[in-house]
């Protein structure tokens, strides 16, 4: 089939690559306009654009995609993976087989922009990939293929994306083959169990020490690798890359440092305590440090009794 691919972040790249390696033809890639970078503020291309250009696939970056942007392509299908825009009915109905979306949850749970992070934050034990037909509603369309994936207690958003991308591309290709042979069946989503995965706000990543150790640990995992959970200490903003919860009772005020060991900095929470095992300080080279690193070089700074806020 002749395919238009719409996507922007790294999550979408394996799907583009799977299509390029298949019998299908990727005629053009649609991706978001380049965004200002963190340094120098010069526009930086997204991962999908970089991948497309490296294989000489034409790229288009409309501010708001419309049917007129694609009329010359004569596409059989449009594949959408984390594109970042809501498509209008003119676009949804343009390709012969319509628009097919890859969504990182088991719909109808976690419709919306951040399903992977929200699943971890909620303590879900299972998520997955759905290949669905797109409608005007937000992730409301019928589902062709579901691939469940287990969420392990150690999973971060980064590792969970890796798991999803092991099963998702194959599910997409299977769906396209079924569409081509007219054997594809799309099943309507159930009306029960609908939840919405709102976009992640960077301020959500600030640790609230009044919460339980387990809840805070889920936040640390969900916000890794972006935007990274953080806390304030001695006029510094510290990034927490990894932690380990201990549900045992503590009597100190939330945020109080209980001890510093080679494992990390153990901190009192609203319930239990949390050991910060990988911490990035905005001093020195700003590298991520382990508990042993901090014990050797910053022992005085993180003395028991001091508090994170």
C-alpha atoms as a PDB file:
ATOM      1  CA  UNK A   1       0.000   0.000   0.000  1.00  0.00           C
ATOM      2  CA  UNK A   2       1.009   3.602  -0.536  1.00  0.00           C
ATOM      3  CA  UNK A   3       1.389   5.130   2.932  1.00  0.00           C
ATOM      4  CA  UNK A   4       1.467   8.600   4.443  1.00  0.00           C
ATOM      5  CA  UNK A   5       3.214   8.431   7.819  1.00  0.00           C
ATOM      6  CA  UNK A   6       2.484  11.068  10.472  1.00  0.00           C
ATOM      7  CA  UNK A   7       4.603  11.151  13.620  1.00  0.00           C
ATOM      8  CA  UNK A   8       7.062  13.298  15.520  1.00  0.00           C
ATOM      9  CA  UNK A   9       8.881  11.866  18.618  1.00  0.00           C
ATOM     10  CA  UNK A  10      11.267   8.947  19.040  1.00  0.00           C
ATOM     11  CA  UNK A  11       8.360   6.647  20.003  1.00  0.00           C
ATOM     12  CA  UNK A  12       7.180   6.784  16.372  1.00  0.00           C
ATOM     13  CA  UNK A  13      10.506   6.007  14.690  1.00  0.00           C
ATOM     14  CA  UNK A  14      10.380   2.160  14.949  1.00  0.00           C
ATOM     15  CA  UNK A  15       6.998   2.197  13.196  1.00  0.00           C
ATOM     16  CA  UNK A  16       8.337   4.289  10.333  1.00  0.00           C
ATOM     17  CA  UNK A  17      11.325   1.976  10.033  1.00  0.00           C
ATOM     18  CA  UNK A  18       9.104  -1.130  10.056  1.00  0.00           C
ATOM     19  CA  UNK A  19       6.997   0.299   7.244  1.00  0.00           C
ATOM     20  CA  UNK A  20      10.087   1.154   5.220  1.00  0.00           C
ATOM     21  CA  UNK A  21      11.367  -2.407   5.635  1.00  0.00           C
ATOM     22  CA  UNK A  22       8.019  -3.911   4.583  1.00  0.00           C
ATOM     23  CA  UNK A  23       6.368  -4.329   1.195  1.00  0.00           C
ATOM     24  CA  UNK A  24       4.515  -1.039   1.699  1.00  0.00           C
ATOM     25  CA  UNK A  25       5.667   2.275   0.242  1.00  0.00           C
ATOM     26  CA  UNK A  26       6.087   5.302   2.517  1.00  0.00           C
ATOM     27  CA  UNK A  27       5.307   8.085   0.051  1.00  0.00           C
ATOM     28  CA  UNK A  28       5.675  11.021   2.415  1.00  0.00           C
ATOM     29  CA  UNK A  29       6.206  11.768   6.107  1.00  0.00           C
ATOM     30  CA  UNK A  30       4.187  14.429   7.923  1.00  0.00           C
ATOM     31  CA  UNK A  31       5.716  15.741  11.121  1.00  0.00           C
ATOM     32  CA  UNK A  32       5.465  18.737  13.418  1.00  0.00           C
ATOM     33  CA  UNK A  33       7.405  21.909  12.584  1.00  0.00           C
ATOM     34  CA  UNK A  34      10.899  22.057  14.061  1.00  0.00           C
ATOM     35  CA  UNK A  35      10.905  23.287  17.663  1.00  0.00           C
ATOM     36  CA  UNK A  36      13.438  25.586  19.375  1.00  0.00           C
ATOM     37  CA  UNK A  37      16.224  23.619  21.036  1.00  0.00           C
ATOM     38  CA  UNK A  38      17.259  23.900  24.666  1.00  0.00           C
ATOM     39  CA  UNK A  39      20.532  25.572  23.758  1.00  0.00           C
ATOM     40  CA  UNK A  40      20.798  28.422  21.298  1.00  0.00           C
ATOM     41  CA  UNK A  41      17.043  28.244  20.686  1.00  0.00           C
ATOM     42  CA  UNK A  42      17.695  27.241  17.076  1.00  0.00           C
ATOM     43  CA  UNK A  43      14.935  25.080  15.557  1.00  0.00           C
ATOM     44  CA  UNK A  44      15.665  21.390  16.022  1.00  0.00           C
ATOM     45  CA  UNK A  45      14.083  18.642  13.873  1.00  0.00           C
ATOM     46  CA  UNK A  46      12.159  15.891  15.631  1.00  0.00           C
ATOM     47  CA  UNK A  47      13.336  12.260  15.601  1.00  0.00           C
ATOM     48  CA  UNK A  48      10.852  11.218  12.893  1.00  0.00           C
ATOM     49  CA  UNK A  49      12.051  13.962  10.566  1.00  0.00           C
ATOM     50  CA  UNK A  50      15.657  12.943  11.138  1.00  0.00           C
ATOM     51  CA  UNK A  51      14.838   9.296  10.406  1.00  0.00           C
ATOM     52  CA  UNK A  52      12.882  10.168   7.257  1.00  0.00           C
ATOM     53  CA  UNK A  53      15.564  12.445   5.877  1.00  0.00           C
ATOM     54  CA  UNK A  54      18.261   9.843   6.510  1.00  0.00           C
ATOM     55  CA  UNK A  55      16.409   7.492   4.152  1.00  0.00           C
ATOM     56  CA  UNK A  56      15.423  10.190   1.623  1.00  0.00           C
ATOM     57  CA  UNK A  57      11.700  10.066   2.313  1.00  0.00           C
ATOM     58  CA  UNK A  58       9.971  13.387   1.485  1.00  0.00           C
ATOM     59  CA  UNK A  59       9.008  15.354   4.613  1.00  0.00           C
ATOM     60  CA  UNK A  60       6.235  17.911   5.022  1.00  0.00           C
ATOM     61  CA  UNK A  61       5.713  20.044   8.133  1.00  0.00           C
ATOM     62  CA  UNK A  62       2.444  21.983   7.934  1.00  0.00           C
ATOM     63  CA  UNK A  63       1.500  24.054  10.971  1.00  0.00           C
ATOM     64  CA  UNK A  64      -1.913  22.365  10.794  1.00  0.00           C
ATOM     65  CA  UNK A  65      -2.286  19.474   8.375  1.00  0.00           C
ATOM     66  CA  UNK A  66      -5.244  19.620   5.972  1.00  0.00           C
ATOM     67  CA  UNK A  67      -6.425  17.484   3.091  1.00  0.00           C
ATOM     68  CA  UNK A  68      -4.897  19.943   0.645  1.00  0.00           C
ATOM     69  CA  UNK A  69      -1.453  19.069   1.987  1.00  0.00           C
ATOM     70  CA  UNK A  70      -1.912  15.446   0.883  1.00  0.00           C
ATOM     71  CA  UNK A  71      -4.148  15.504  -2.191  1.00  0.00           C
ATOM     72  CA  UNK A  72      -1.209  14.929  -4.540  1.00  0.00           C
ATOM     73  CA  UNK A  73      -0.002  11.807  -2.694  1.00  0.00           C
ATOM     74  CA  UNK A  74      -2.850   9.417  -3.635  1.00  0.00           C
ATOM     75  CA  UNK A  75      -2.352   7.496  -0.396  1.00  0.00           C
ATOM     76  CA  UNK A  76      -4.082   4.225   0.390  1.00  0.00           C
ATOM     77  CA  UNK A  77      -3.714   4.767   4.132  1.00  0.00           C
ATOM     78  CA  UNK A  78      -2.339   7.261   6.632  1.00  0.00           C
ATOM     79  CA  UNK A  79      -0.508   5.867   9.660  1.00  0.00           C
ATOM     80  CA  UNK A  80      -0.459   8.159  12.696  1.00  0.00           C
ATOM     81  CA  UNK A  81       1.946   7.548  15.596  1.00  0.00           C
ATOM     82  CA  UNK A  82       2.272  10.275  18.247  1.00  0.00           C
ATOM     83  CA  UNK A  83       1.947  12.985  15.630  1.00  0.00           C
ATOM     84  CA  UNK A  84       0.805  15.685  18.050  1.00  0.00           C
ATOM     85  CA  UNK A  85      -2.157  17.127  16.152  1.00  0.00           C
ATOM     86  CA  UNK A  86      -5.878  16.384  16.016  1.00  0.00           C
ATOM     87  CA  UNK A  87      -6.844  15.494  12.436  1.00  0.00           C
ATOM     88  CA  UNK A  88      -9.915  16.994  10.810  1.00  0.00           C
ATOM     89  CA  UNK A  89     -12.553  14.966   8.993  1.00  0.00           C
ATOM     90  CA  UNK A  90     -11.140  16.094   5.633  1.00  0.00           C
ATOM     91  CA  UNK A  91      -7.870  14.324   6.416  1.00  0.00           C
ATOM     92  CA  UNK A  92      -9.431  11.300   8.128  1.00  0.00           C
ATOM     93  CA  UNK A  93     -11.506  10.457   5.068  1.00  0.00           C
ATOM     94  CA  UNK A  94      -8.935  11.244   2.384  1.00  0.00           C
ATOM     95  CA  UNK A  95      -6.980   7.949   2.114  1.00  0.00           C
ATOM     96  CA  UNK A  96      -8.659   4.883   0.646  1.00  0.00           C
ATOM     97  CA  UNK A  97      -8.483   2.965   3.940  1.00  0.00           C
ATOM     98  CA  UNK A  98      -8.717   6.019   6.154  1.00  0.00           C
ATOM     99  CA  UNK A  99      -6.317   6.857   8.977  1.00  0.00           C
ATOM    100  CA  UNK A 100      -4.880   4.228  11.327  1.00  0.00           C
ATOM    101  CA  UNK A 101      -3.500   5.227  14.729  1.00  0.00           C
ATOM    102  CA  UNK A 102      -0.973   3.459  16.947  1.00  0.00           C
ATOM    103  CA  UNK A 103      -1.843   4.203  20.577  1.00  0.00           C
ATOM    104  CA  UNK A 104       0.258   3.261  23.619  1.00  0.00           C
ATOM    105  CA  UNK A 105      -2.437   1.892  25.921  1.00  0.00           C
ATOM    106  CA  UNK A 106      -5.202  -0.689  26.063  1.00  0.00           C
ATOM    107  CA  UNK A 107      -8.116   1.498  25.038  1.00  0.00           C
ATOM    108  CA  UNK A 108     -10.444   2.840  26.322  1.00  0.00           C
ATOM    109  CA  UNK A 109      -8.075   3.234  29.285  1.00  0.00           C
ATOM    110  CA  UNK A 110      -5.757   6.214  28.879  1.00  0.00           C
ATOM    111  CA  UNK A 111      -7.045   7.968  25.822  1.00  0.00           C
ATOM    112  CA  UNK A 112      -5.052  11.103  25.130  1.00  0.00           C
ATOM    113  CA  UNK A 113      -1.558  12.546  25.028  1.00  0.00           C
ATOM    114  CA  UNK A 114       0.427  10.733  27.744  1.00  0.00           C
ATOM    115  CA  UNK A 115      -0.872   7.162  28.138  1.00  0.00           C
ATOM    116  CA  UNK A 116       2.462   5.583  29.042  1.00  0.00           C
ATOM    117  CA  UNK A 117       3.311   8.015  31.829  1.00  0.00           C
ATOM    118  CA  UNK A 118      -0.236   7.980  33.214  1.00  0.00           C
ATOM    119  CA  UNK A 119      -0.288   4.176  33.353  1.00  0.00           C
ATOM    120  CA  UNK A 120       2.879   4.148  35.480  1.00  0.00           C
ATOM    121  CA  UNK A 121       1.650   6.994  37.694  1.00  0.00           C
ATOM    122  CA  UNK A 122      -1.595   5.118  38.348  1.00  0.00           C
ATOM    123  CA  UNK A 123       0.215   1.934  39.334  1.00  0.00           C
ATOM    124  CA  UNK A 124      -1.199  -0.092  36.427  1.00  0.00           C
ATOM    125  CA  UNK A 125       0.317  -3.540  36.026  1.00  0.00           C
ATOM    126  CA  UNK A 126      -0.589  -3.916  32.358  1.00  0.00           C
ATOM    127  CA  UNK A 127      -0.710  -1.626  29.349  1.00  0.00           C
ATOM    128  CA  UNK A 128      -0.217  -2.263  25.655  1.00  0.00           C
ATOM    129  CA  UNK A 129      -0.528  -1.101  22.079  1.00  0.00           C
ATOM    130  CA  UNK A 130      -3.758  -0.643  20.151  1.00  0.00           C
ATOM    131  CA  UNK A 131      -3.990  -0.292  16.381  1.00  0.00           C
ATOM    132  CA  UNK A 132      -7.225   1.591  15.752  1.00  0.00           C
ATOM    133  CA  UNK A 133      -9.221   3.324  13.068  1.00  0.00           C
ATOM    134  CA  UNK A 134      -9.267   7.047  13.707  1.00  0.00           C
ATOM    135  CA  UNK A 135     -12.440   9.065  14.206  1.00  0.00           C
ATOM    136  CA  UNK A 136     -13.012  12.724  15.013  1.00  0.00           C
ATOM    137  CA  UNK A 137     -13.177  11.907  18.750  1.00  0.00           C
ATOM    138  CA  UNK A 138     -10.052  11.646  20.915  1.00  0.00           C
ATOM    139  CA  UNK A 139      -8.887   8.020  20.579  1.00  0.00           C
ATOM    140  CA  UNK A 140     -12.480   6.805  20.354  1.00  0.00           C
ATOM    141  CA  UNK A 141     -12.237   4.717  17.194  1.00  0.00           C
ATOM    142  CA  UNK A 142     -12.698   0.947  16.880  1.00  0.00           C
ATOM    143  CA  UNK A 143      -9.644  -1.235  17.502  1.00  0.00           C
ATOM    144  CA  UNK A 144      -8.165  -3.702  15.004  1.00  0.00           C
ATOM    145  CA  UNK A 145      -5.374  -5.176  17.123  1.00  0.00           C
ATOM    146  CA  UNK A 146      -4.456  -5.217  20.827  1.00  0.00           C
ATOM    147  CA  UNK A 147      -1.063  -6.234  22.160  1.00  0.00           C
ATOM    148  CA  UNK A 148      -0.862  -6.288  25.992  1.00  0.00           C
ATOM    149  CA  UNK A 149       2.432  -5.551  27.747  1.00  0.00           C
ATOM    150  CA  UNK A 150       3.284  -6.071  31.416  1.00  0.00           C
ATOM    151  CA  UNK A 151       4.447  -3.094  33.486  1.00  0.00           C
ATOM    152  CA  UNK A 152       7.161  -4.306  35.854  1.00  0.00           C
ATOM    153  CA  UNK A 153       7.813  -2.512  39.180  1.00  0.00           C
ATOM    154  CA  UNK A 154      11.154  -1.288  37.830  1.00  0.00           C
ATOM    155  CA  UNK A 155       9.834   0.046  34.520  1.00  0.00           C
ATOM    156  CA  UNK A 156      10.338   3.684  33.635  1.00  0.00           C
ATOM    157  CA  UNK A 157       8.616   5.412  30.745  1.00  0.00           C
ATOM    158  CA  UNK A 158      11.799   4.808  28.766  1.00  0.00           C
ATOM    159  CA  UNK A 159      11.936   1.051  29.366  1.00  0.00           C
ATOM    160  CA  UNK A 160       8.194   0.688  28.850  1.00  0.00           C
ATOM    161  CA  UNK A 161       8.432   2.411  25.477  1.00  0.00           C
ATOM    162  CA  UNK A 162      11.077  -0.144  24.519  1.00  0.00           C
ATOM    163  CA  UNK A 163       8.692  -2.957  25.447  1.00  0.00           C
ATOM    164  CA  UNK A 164       5.812  -1.430  23.507  1.00  0.00           C
ATOM    165  CA  UNK A 165       7.990  -0.912  20.460  1.00  0.00           C
ATOM    166  CA  UNK A 166       8.873  -4.591  20.407  1.00  0.00           C
ATOM    167  CA  UNK A 167       5.260  -5.602  19.774  1.00  0.00           C
ATOM    168  CA  UNK A 168       3.715  -2.518  18.165  1.00  0.00           C
ATOM    169  CA  UNK A 169       5.362  -2.433  14.718  1.00  0.00           C
ATOM    170  CA  UNK A 170       4.453  -6.064  14.042  1.00  0.00           C
ATOM    171  CA  UNK A 171       0.872  -5.415  15.106  1.00  0.00           C
ATOM    172  CA  UNK A 172       0.705  -2.471  12.708  1.00  0.00           C
ATOM    173  CA  UNK A 173       2.008  -4.480   9.756  1.00  0.00           C
ATOM    174  CA  UNK A 174      -0.415  -7.299  10.574  1.00  0.00           C
ATOM    175  CA  UNK A 175      -3.287  -4.810  10.530  1.00  0.00           C
ATOM    176  CA  UNK A 176      -2.222  -3.355   7.180  1.00  0.00           C
ATOM    177  CA  UNK A 177      -2.021  -6.839   5.651  1.00  0.00           C
ATOM    178  CA  UNK A 178      -5.530  -7.571   6.941  1.00  0.00           C
ATOM    179  CA  UNK A 179      -6.848  -4.313   5.501  1.00  0.00           C
ATOM    180  CA  UNK A 180      -5.352  -5.170   2.132  1.00  0.00           C
ATOM    181  CA  UNK A 181      -7.014  -8.594   2.079  1.00  0.00           C
ATOM    182  CA  UNK A 182     -10.265  -7.128   3.437  1.00  0.00           C
ATOM    183  CA  UNK A 183     -10.101  -9.434   6.455  1.00  0.00           C
ATOM    184  CA  UNK A 184      -9.514  -6.705   9.067  1.00  0.00           C
ATOM    185  CA  UNK A 185     -12.152  -6.410  11.791  1.00  0.00           C
ATOM    186  CA  UNK A 186     -12.339  -3.292  13.952  1.00  0.00           C
ATOM    187  CA  UNK A 187     -14.099  -3.778  17.295  1.00  0.00           C
ATOM    188  CA  UNK A 188     -15.807  -0.833  18.977  1.00  0.00           C
ATOM    189  CA  UNK A 189     -14.313   0.207  22.303  1.00  0.00           C
ATOM    190  CA  UNK A 190     -16.380  -0.619  25.394  1.00  0.00           C
ATOM    191  CA  UNK A 191     -18.225   2.245  27.027  1.00  0.00           C
ATOM    192  CA  UNK A 192     -16.890   1.354  30.465  1.00  0.00           C
ATOM    193  CA  UNK A 193     -13.391   1.982  31.764  1.00  0.00           C
ATOM    194  CA  UNK A 194     -12.692   5.200  29.886  1.00  0.00           C
ATOM    195  CA  UNK A 195      -9.859   7.292  31.360  1.00  0.00           C
ATOM    196  CA  UNK A 196      -7.926  10.228  29.931  1.00  0.00           C
ATOM    197  CA  UNK A 197      -4.168  10.686  29.870  1.00  0.00           C
ATOM    198  CA  UNK A 198      -3.716  14.436  29.952  1.00  0.00           C
ATOM    199  CA  UNK A 199      -0.471  15.984  28.745  1.00  0.00           C
ATOM    200  CA  UNK A 200       2.353  16.004  31.278  1.00  0.00           C
ATOM    201  CA  UNK A 201       3.025  19.406  32.836  1.00  0.00           C
ATOM    202  CA  UNK A 202       6.649  19.878  33.926  1.00  0.00           C
ATOM    203  CA  UNK A 203       5.530  21.111  37.343  1.00  0.00           C
ATOM    204  CA  UNK A 204       3.949  17.696  37.945  1.00  0.00           C
ATOM    205  CA  UNK A 205       7.482  16.358  38.148  1.00  0.00           C
ATOM    206  CA  UNK A 206       8.172  18.233  41.392  1.00  0.00           C
ATOM    207  CA  UNK A 207       8.164  15.697  44.199  1.00  0.00           C
ATOM    208  CA  UNK A 208       5.511  16.125  46.883  1.00  0.00           C
ATOM    209  CA  UNK A 209       7.056  14.517  49.959  1.00  0.00           C
ATOM    210  CA  UNK A 210       3.655  14.432  51.703  1.00  0.00           C
ATOM    211  CA  UNK A 211       2.690  11.564  49.402  1.00  0.00           C
ATOM    212  CA  UNK A 212       3.521   7.920  50.045  1.00  0.00           C
ATOM    213  CA  UNK A 213       6.919   6.513  49.108  1.00  0.00           C
ATOM    214  CA  UNK A 214       5.291   4.207  46.551  1.00  0.00           C
ATOM    215  CA  UNK A 215       3.399   7.075  44.894  1.00  0.00           C
ATOM    216  CA  UNK A 216       6.535   9.203  44.688  1.00  0.00           C
ATOM    217  CA  UNK A 217       8.511   6.277  43.277  1.00  0.00           C
ATOM    218  CA  UNK A 218       5.927   5.822  40.519  1.00  0.00           C
ATOM    219  CA  UNK A 219       6.366   9.498  39.652  1.00  0.00           C
ATOM    220  CA  UNK A 220      10.150   9.100  39.485  1.00  0.00           C
ATOM    221  CA  UNK A 221       9.688   6.188  37.069  1.00  0.00           C
ATOM    222  CA  UNK A 222       6.988   7.894  35.009  1.00  0.00           C
ATOM    223  CA  UNK A 223       9.016  11.064  34.476  1.00  0.00           C
ATOM    224  CA  UNK A 224      12.172   9.215  33.404  1.00  0.00           C
ATOM    225  CA  UNK A 225      13.544  10.091  30.831  1.00  0.00           C
ATOM    226  CA  UNK A 226      11.494  13.278  30.550  1.00  0.00           C
ATOM    227  CA  UNK A 227      10.945  15.682  32.251  1.00  0.00           C
ATOM    228  CA  UNK A 228      12.691  13.952  35.242  1.00  0.00           C
ATOM    229  CA  UNK A 229      11.320  14.202  38.783  1.00  0.00           C
ATOM    230  CA  UNK A 230      12.898  16.938  40.858  1.00  0.00           C
ATOM    231  CA  UNK A 231      13.049  18.353  44.362  1.00  0.00           C
ATOM    232  CA  UNK A 232      14.477  21.498  45.948  1.00  0.00           C
ATOM    233  CA  UNK A 233      17.284  21.494  48.482  1.00  0.00           C
ATOM    234  CA  UNK A 234      19.495  24.297  49.790  1.00  0.00           C
ATOM    235  CA  UNK A 235      18.507  26.624  46.895  1.00  0.00           C
ATOM    236  CA  UNK A 236      19.272  23.864  44.382  1.00  0.00           C
ATOM    237  CA  UNK A 237      17.005  21.978  42.018  1.00  0.00           C
ATOM    238  CA  UNK A 238      17.953  18.301  42.158  1.00  0.00           C
ATOM    239  CA  UNK A 239      16.823  15.768  39.549  1.00  0.00           C
ATOM    240  CA  UNK A 240      15.888  12.291  40.787  1.00  0.00           C
ATOM    241  CA  UNK A 241      16.548   9.627  38.154  1.00  0.00           C
ATOM    242  CA  UNK A 242      15.882   6.541  40.241  1.00  0.00           C
ATOM    243  CA  UNK A 243      14.652   5.600  43.689  1.00  0.00           C
ATOM    244  CA  UNK A 244      13.569   2.665  45.850  1.00  0.00           C
ATOM    245  CA  UNK A 245      10.552   2.794  48.188  1.00  0.00           C
ATOM    246  CA  UNK A 246      10.388   1.364  51.703  1.00  0.00           C
ATOM    247  CA  UNK A 247       6.823   1.143  53.100  1.00  0.00           C
ATOM    248  CA  UNK A 248       8.033   0.741  56.688  1.00  0.00           C
ATOM    249  CA  UNK A 249       6.843   3.351  59.231  1.00  0.00           C
ATOM    250  CA  UNK A 250       8.800   6.562  59.831  1.00  0.00           C
ATOM    251  CA  UNK A 251       8.173   9.364  62.324  1.00  0.00           C
ATOM    252  CA  UNK A 252      10.192  12.204  60.767  1.00  0.00           C
ATOM    253  CA  UNK A 253       8.535  15.022  58.832  1.00  0.00           C
ATOM    254  CA  UNK A 254       8.106  14.361  55.082  1.00  0.00           C
ATOM    255  CA  UNK A 255      11.183  15.420  53.126  1.00  0.00           C
ATOM    256  CA  UNK A 256      13.586  14.856  56.025  1.00  0.00           C
ATOM    257  CA  UNK A 257      16.827  13.044  55.224  1.00  0.00           C
ATOM    258  CA  UNK A 258      16.976   9.944  57.431  1.00  0.00           C
ATOM    259  CA  UNK A 259      20.343   8.548  56.415  1.00  0.00           C
ATOM    260  CA  UNK A 260      22.974   8.550  53.699  1.00  0.00           C
ATOM    261  CA  UNK A 261      24.405   5.170  52.685  1.00  0.00           C
ATOM    262  CA  UNK A 262      26.125   3.643  49.698  1.00  0.00           C
ATOM    263  CA  UNK A 263      22.629   2.802  48.405  1.00  0.00           C
ATOM    264  CA  UNK A 264      21.535   6.436  48.383  1.00  0.00           C
ATOM    265  CA  UNK A 265      19.758   9.141  50.387  1.00  0.00           C
ATOM    266  CA  UNK A 266      16.827   7.796  52.410  1.00  0.00           C
ATOM    267  CA  UNK A 267      14.086  10.405  52.793  1.00  0.00           C
ATOM    268  CA  UNK A 268      10.921  10.396  54.924  1.00  0.00           C
ATOM    269  CA  UNK A 269       7.637  10.527  53.008  1.00  0.00           C
ATOM    270  CA  UNK A 270       3.994  10.924  53.998  1.00  0.00           C
ATOM    271  CA  UNK A 271       3.963   7.121  54.247  1.00  0.00           C
ATOM    272  CA  UNK A 272       7.201   5.164  54.398  1.00  0.00           C
ATOM    273  CA  UNK A 273      10.532   6.363  53.064  1.00  0.00           C
ATOM    274  CA  UNK A 274      12.213   6.639  49.685  1.00  0.00           C
ATOM    275  CA  UNK A 275      15.897   6.055  48.931  1.00  0.00           C
ATOM    276  CA  UNK A 276      17.160   8.280  46.140  1.00  0.00           C
ATOM    277  CA  UNK A 277      19.561   5.984  44.300  1.00  0.00           C
ATOM    278  CA  UNK A 278      20.446   8.191  41.311  1.00  0.00           C
ATOM    279  CA  UNK A 279      20.553  11.945  41.766  1.00  0.00           C
ATOM    280  CA  UNK A 280      21.704  14.772  39.508  1.00  0.00           C
ATOM    281  CA  UNK A 281      23.062  17.888  41.220  1.00  0.00           C
ATOM    282  CA  UNK A 282      23.415  21.271  39.476  1.00  0.00           C
ATOM    283  CA  UNK A 283      27.013  21.559  40.666  1.00  0.00           C
ATOM    284  CA  UNK A 284      30.294  20.302  39.301  1.00  0.00           C
ATOM    285  CA  UNK A 285      29.791  18.546  35.984  1.00  0.00           C
ATOM    286  CA  UNK A 286      26.131  17.935  36.718  1.00  0.00           C
ATOM    287  CA  UNK A 287      26.482  14.189  36.166  1.00  0.00           C
ATOM    288  CA  UNK A 288      24.084  11.637  37.615  1.00  0.00           C
ATOM    289  CA  UNK A 289      25.476  10.340  40.919  1.00  0.00           C
ATOM    290  CA  UNK A 290      24.851   7.155  42.867  1.00  0.00           C
ATOM    291  CA  UNK A 291      24.574   6.871  46.618  1.00  0.00           C
ATOM    292  CA  UNK A 292      28.221   5.832  46.835  1.00  0.00           C
ATOM    293  CA  UNK A 293      29.263   8.889  44.771  1.00  0.00           C
ATOM    294  CA  UNK A 294      27.370  11.204  47.124  1.00  0.00           C
ATOM    295  CA  UNK A 295      28.686   9.420  50.204  1.00  0.00           C
ATOM    296  CA  UNK A 296      32.249   9.961  48.984  1.00  0.00           C
ATOM    297  CA  UNK A 297      31.953  13.578  47.846  1.00  0.00           C
ATOM    298  CA  UNK A 298      28.833  15.247  49.322  1.00  0.00           C
ATOM    299  CA  UNK A 299      28.471  13.616  52.726  1.00  0.00           C
ATOM    300  CA  UNK A 300      28.286  16.930  54.623  1.00  0.00           C
ATOM    301  CA  UNK A 301      25.691  18.412  52.274  1.00  0.00           C
ATOM    302  CA  UNK A 302      23.149  15.635  52.784  1.00  0.00           C
ATOM    303  CA  UNK A 303      23.442  15.122  56.530  1.00  0.00           C
ATOM    304  CA  UNK A 304      20.537  13.420  58.342  1.00  0.00           C
ATOM    305  CA  UNK A 305      17.993  15.948  59.565  1.00  0.00           C
ATOM    306  CA  UNK A 306      18.249  18.243  56.532  1.00  0.00           C
ATOM    307  CA  UNK A 307      15.083  18.508  54.430  1.00  0.00           C
ATOM    308  CA  UNK A 308      14.066  18.410  50.795  1.00  0.00           C
ATOM    309  CA  UNK A 309      11.178  20.725  49.864  1.00  0.00           C
END
